[in-house]
Protein backbone atom coordinates (compact mmCIF):
# COMPACT_ATOMS: atom_id res chain seq x y z
CA MET A 1 27.98 -139.79 13.10
CA ARG A 2 26.68 -136.57 14.62
CA GLN A 3 26.46 -136.42 18.40
CA VAL A 4 25.41 -133.56 20.65
CA VAL A 5 26.66 -133.41 24.23
CA LEU A 6 23.98 -131.68 26.31
CA ASP A 7 23.67 -130.27 29.80
CA THR A 8 21.10 -128.12 31.58
CA GLU A 9 20.87 -126.00 34.69
CA THR A 10 17.54 -125.70 36.49
CA THR A 11 15.76 -123.80 39.25
CA GLY A 12 15.77 -126.91 41.43
CA LEU A 13 16.10 -130.66 41.43
CA GLU A 14 12.52 -131.88 40.97
CA VAL A 15 10.54 -131.28 37.83
CA SER A 16 7.47 -132.65 39.63
CA LYS A 17 7.59 -129.61 41.94
CA GLY A 18 7.41 -127.16 39.07
CA HIS A 19 11.10 -126.47 38.65
CA ARG A 20 12.21 -125.17 35.27
CA VAL A 21 15.19 -125.12 32.91
CA ILE A 22 17.27 -121.92 33.06
CA GLU A 23 20.26 -122.83 30.86
CA ILE A 24 20.96 -125.25 28.02
CA GLY A 25 24.43 -125.94 26.68
CA CYS A 26 25.18 -128.20 23.71
CA VAL A 27 28.47 -129.16 22.04
CA GLU A 28 28.62 -130.95 18.70
CA ILE A 29 30.77 -134.00 17.97
CA GLN A 30 31.18 -135.15 14.37
CA ASN A 31 32.89 -138.50 13.76
CA ARG A 32 34.42 -138.44 17.25
CA ARG A 33 35.81 -134.92 16.92
CA ARG A 34 34.50 -131.83 18.70
CA THR A 35 33.48 -129.08 16.32
CA ASP A 36 33.00 -125.36 16.92
CA ASN A 37 29.24 -125.76 16.50
CA LYS A 38 27.49 -125.06 19.80
CA PHE A 39 24.07 -124.16 21.16
CA HIS A 40 23.91 -122.10 24.34
CA VAL A 41 21.05 -120.14 25.84
CA TYR A 42 19.88 -118.78 29.18
CA ILE A 43 16.14 -118.99 29.80
CA ASN A 44 13.76 -116.97 31.95
CA PRO A 45 11.98 -119.59 34.11
CA GLU A 46 9.28 -117.17 35.26
CA ARG A 47 9.69 -118.43 38.81
CA ASP A 48 12.10 -118.26 41.75
CA ILE A 49 15.30 -120.31 41.90
CA ASP A 50 15.96 -122.51 44.92
CA GLU A 51 18.76 -121.16 47.09
CA ALA A 52 20.58 -124.51 47.03
CA ALA A 53 20.42 -124.61 43.23
CA GLU A 54 21.72 -121.05 42.93
CA GLU A 55 24.70 -121.97 45.12
CA VAL A 56 25.55 -124.73 42.62
CA HIS A 57 25.30 -122.75 39.35
CA GLY A 58 25.43 -119.13 40.55
CA ILE A 59 22.50 -118.04 38.36
CA SER A 60 19.94 -115.76 40.00
CA ARG A 61 16.44 -114.90 38.87
CA ALA A 62 17.49 -111.29 38.36
CA MET A 63 20.16 -112.41 35.88
CA LEU A 64 17.47 -114.11 33.79
CA ALA A 65 14.87 -111.33 33.83
CA ASP A 66 15.65 -110.20 30.26
CA LYS A 67 16.25 -113.68 28.81
CA PRO A 68 13.83 -115.48 26.47
CA VAL A 69 11.28 -117.95 27.81
CA PHE A 70 11.57 -121.57 26.69
CA THR A 71 8.83 -121.23 24.06
CA ASP A 72 10.95 -118.62 22.29
CA ILE A 73 13.99 -120.90 21.95
CA LEU A 74 12.19 -124.21 21.40
CA GLU A 75 12.38 -124.20 17.61
CA SER A 76 16.07 -123.32 17.42
CA PHE A 77 16.89 -125.91 20.10
CA VAL A 78 14.98 -128.68 18.32
CA ASP A 79 16.62 -127.74 15.02
CA PHE A 80 20.07 -128.07 16.59
CA VAL A 81 19.55 -131.50 18.18
CA THR A 82 17.25 -133.22 15.66
CA GLY A 83 18.79 -136.36 14.22
CA ALA A 84 21.73 -136.33 16.62
CA GLU A 85 22.65 -138.84 19.26
CA LEU A 86 22.46 -136.95 22.56
CA VAL A 87 25.22 -137.59 25.10
CA ILE A 88 24.04 -136.64 28.60
CA HIS A 89 25.30 -137.34 32.11
CA ASN A 90 22.36 -138.60 34.19
CA ALA A 91 20.13 -138.34 31.13
CA ASP A 92 16.79 -138.93 32.88
CA PHE A 93 17.24 -135.67 34.79
CA ASP A 94 17.88 -133.47 31.77
CA THR A 95 15.43 -135.15 29.39
CA GLY A 96 12.74 -135.07 32.07
CA PHE A 97 13.12 -131.31 32.43
CA ILE A 98 13.30 -130.70 28.68
CA ASP A 99 10.24 -132.85 28.01
CA ARG A 100 8.33 -130.89 30.64
CA GLU A 101 9.36 -127.59 29.05
CA ILE A 102 8.22 -128.86 25.64
CA GLU A 103 4.91 -129.89 27.17
CA LEU A 104 4.44 -126.47 28.78
CA ALA A 105 5.14 -124.92 25.39
CA GLY A 106 2.06 -126.72 24.09
CA SER A 107 3.75 -129.49 22.10
CA ALA A 108 3.15 -133.23 22.35
CA MET A 109 6.69 -133.95 21.12
CA ARG A 110 9.29 -135.55 23.36
CA ILE A 111 13.04 -135.24 22.98
CA SER A 112 13.23 -138.99 22.23
CA ASP A 113 11.09 -138.36 19.14
CA CYS A 114 13.93 -136.53 17.42
CA CYS A 115 17.08 -137.92 19.12
CA SER A 116 18.54 -141.06 20.58
CA VAL A 117 20.23 -140.72 23.97
CA ILE A 118 23.40 -142.10 25.57
CA ASP A 119 23.61 -141.76 29.35
CA THR A 120 27.27 -141.38 30.31
CA LEU A 121 26.46 -141.96 33.99
CA THR A 122 25.09 -145.41 33.16
CA LEU A 123 28.11 -146.03 30.92
CA ALA A 124 30.54 -144.92 33.64
CA ARG A 125 28.88 -147.16 36.24
CA GLN A 126 29.28 -150.13 33.89
CA MET A 127 32.93 -149.30 33.23
CA HIS A 128 33.84 -148.32 36.82
CA PRO A 129 31.52 -150.22 39.19
CA GLY A 130 31.68 -149.19 42.82
CA GLN A 131 33.56 -145.96 42.06
CA ARG A 132 32.54 -142.32 42.04
CA ASN A 133 31.20 -141.36 38.62
CA SER A 134 30.28 -137.70 38.95
CA LEU A 135 31.52 -135.41 36.18
CA ASP A 136 34.30 -134.12 38.45
CA ALA A 137 35.37 -137.68 39.33
CA LEU A 138 35.44 -138.66 35.66
CA CYS A 139 37.49 -135.58 34.80
CA ARG A 140 40.07 -136.66 37.38
CA ARG A 141 40.02 -140.25 36.17
CA TYR A 142 40.53 -139.33 32.53
CA GLN A 143 42.85 -136.39 33.23
CA ILE A 144 40.49 -133.75 31.83
CA ASP A 145 41.29 -130.26 33.13
CA ASN A 146 38.25 -129.02 35.06
CA SER A 147 40.10 -126.42 37.12
CA GLY A 148 37.79 -123.68 35.81
CA ARG A 149 34.67 -125.39 37.12
CA ASP A 150 34.12 -123.36 40.29
CA LEU A 151 30.39 -123.37 39.54
CA HIS A 152 28.27 -125.63 37.36
CA GLY A 153 27.40 -124.23 33.95
CA ALA A 154 25.54 -125.96 31.14
CA LEU A 155 27.96 -125.06 28.35
CA LEU A 156 31.11 -125.60 30.43
CA ASP A 157 29.82 -128.95 31.70
CA ALA A 158 28.85 -130.02 28.17
CA GLU A 159 32.37 -129.20 26.97
CA LEU A 160 33.93 -131.18 29.83
CA LEU A 161 31.55 -134.09 29.27
CA ALA A 162 32.41 -134.15 25.56
CA ASP A 163 36.09 -134.63 26.43
CA VAL A 164 35.25 -137.22 29.09
CA TYR A 165 32.98 -139.15 26.72
CA LEU A 166 35.61 -139.26 23.98
CA ALA A 167 38.19 -140.48 26.51
CA MET A 168 35.80 -143.06 27.99
CA THR A 169 34.96 -144.54 24.61
CA GLY A 170 38.35 -144.17 22.96
CA GLY A 171 40.29 -147.00 24.57
CA GLN A 172 43.40 -146.60 26.73
CA VAL A 173 44.12 -142.97 27.55
CA SER A 174 47.24 -143.42 29.71
CA LEU A 175 50.36 -145.57 29.57
CA SER A 176 50.63 -145.46 33.36
CA LEU A 177 50.32 -148.83 35.11
CA GLN A 178 48.03 -147.47 37.78
CA THR A 179 44.70 -148.38 39.28
CA GLU A 180 42.21 -146.23 41.11
CA ALA A 181 41.34 -146.51 44.77
CA THR A 182 38.42 -144.71 46.36
CA ASP A 183 39.00 -142.68 49.48
CA SER A 184 35.63 -143.20 51.17
CA GLU A 185 36.31 -140.65 53.92
CA ALA A 186 37.30 -137.87 51.56
CA GLY A 187 34.74 -138.95 48.99
CA SER A 188 37.28 -138.65 46.20
CA ALA A 189 39.23 -140.96 43.94
CA ALA A 190 43.01 -141.24 44.03
CA SER A 191 45.48 -143.07 41.80
CA VAL A 192 47.81 -145.53 43.47
CA PRO A 193 50.69 -147.48 41.87
CA VAL A 194 50.21 -151.16 41.11
CA GLU A 195 52.62 -153.34 43.10
CA ARG A 196 54.86 -155.01 40.49
CA ASP A 197 57.55 -156.65 42.66
CA GLY A 198 57.88 -160.29 41.69
CA LEU A 199 55.48 -159.90 38.78
CA THR A 200 55.87 -162.68 36.22
CA LEU A 201 54.20 -162.38 32.85
CA ASN A 202 52.88 -165.58 31.31
CA VAL A 203 53.84 -165.48 27.62
CA ARG A 204 51.96 -167.98 25.47
CA ARG A 205 53.46 -168.34 22.00
CA ALA A 206 51.55 -169.54 18.95
CA SER A 207 52.06 -173.16 17.97
CA GLU A 208 53.24 -174.27 14.52
CA ASP A 209 49.65 -175.24 13.60
CA GLU A 210 48.33 -171.85 14.77
CA ARG A 211 50.96 -169.98 12.76
CA ALA A 212 50.12 -172.06 9.67
CA LEU A 213 46.40 -171.31 10.06
CA HIS A 214 47.16 -167.63 10.48
CA ALA A 215 49.29 -167.61 7.32
CA LYS A 216 46.45 -169.21 5.33
CA TYR A 217 44.00 -166.63 6.71
CA LEU A 218 46.29 -163.82 5.55
CA GLU A 219 46.55 -165.41 2.11
CA ARG A 220 42.74 -165.47 1.83
CA LEU A 221 42.56 -161.81 2.86
CA ASP A 222 45.22 -160.92 0.30
CA ALA A 223 43.33 -162.77 -2.44
CA SER A 224 40.06 -161.05 -1.54
CA CYS A 225 41.52 -157.57 -2.18
CA ALA A 226 41.36 -156.38 -5.77
CA ALA A 227 44.71 -154.59 -5.48
CA GLY A 228 46.14 -157.03 -2.99
CA ALA A 229 46.64 -156.44 0.72
CA ALA A 230 49.00 -153.71 1.90
CA TRP A 231 51.12 -155.68 4.34
CA PRO A 232 53.13 -157.80 1.83
CA ARG A 233 54.28 -154.59 0.11
CA SER A 234 55.17 -152.85 3.40
CA SER A 235 57.13 -155.76 4.92
């Protein structure tokens, strides 16, 4: 399966107020492995950038003066993502901006016409209800090094999200018997040890009938394999 982890930076938060995309970063995942195939571009928005937005990503209008406009990169962007499953954190934000850019470029296409989308924010809220699920919080939770993220950046954030997504969907990522508590005053998540004093594990062993049924099931599996099952030969 081909997946593309995508992030954008914009001139502001609201597409309805005419804000535009200024950076797109994409990282490819093939069969749950990151590849070296990436798409990264800065875009001239042909408008001012909100001061608050510039403080977040550090990109000024002057820095984008010689960059292509969205129309110029549309074809190469669509070629890169077509047929992939997009992985996006807070997907409605990014797809809303991209769809608006496509519309302004004179096309009736929408990003959903060429890609399916997974929203990792929705996924994280399902997996960690009541906890902080920003990209930084998820990096801490899954022990992804985000120490270089002084400012937001579309390619950097896509790379971090790719690692977070693979950790989120890959089962247990730590052998530590710890749980996470939220520090509401600091607005951050911290790991605290689970209290194990007096812990008694309830071990339920299979009955004779259950073991006999299991043995018959294994015999049927063995018989269904043309060359026989592997486990009798490896035991």
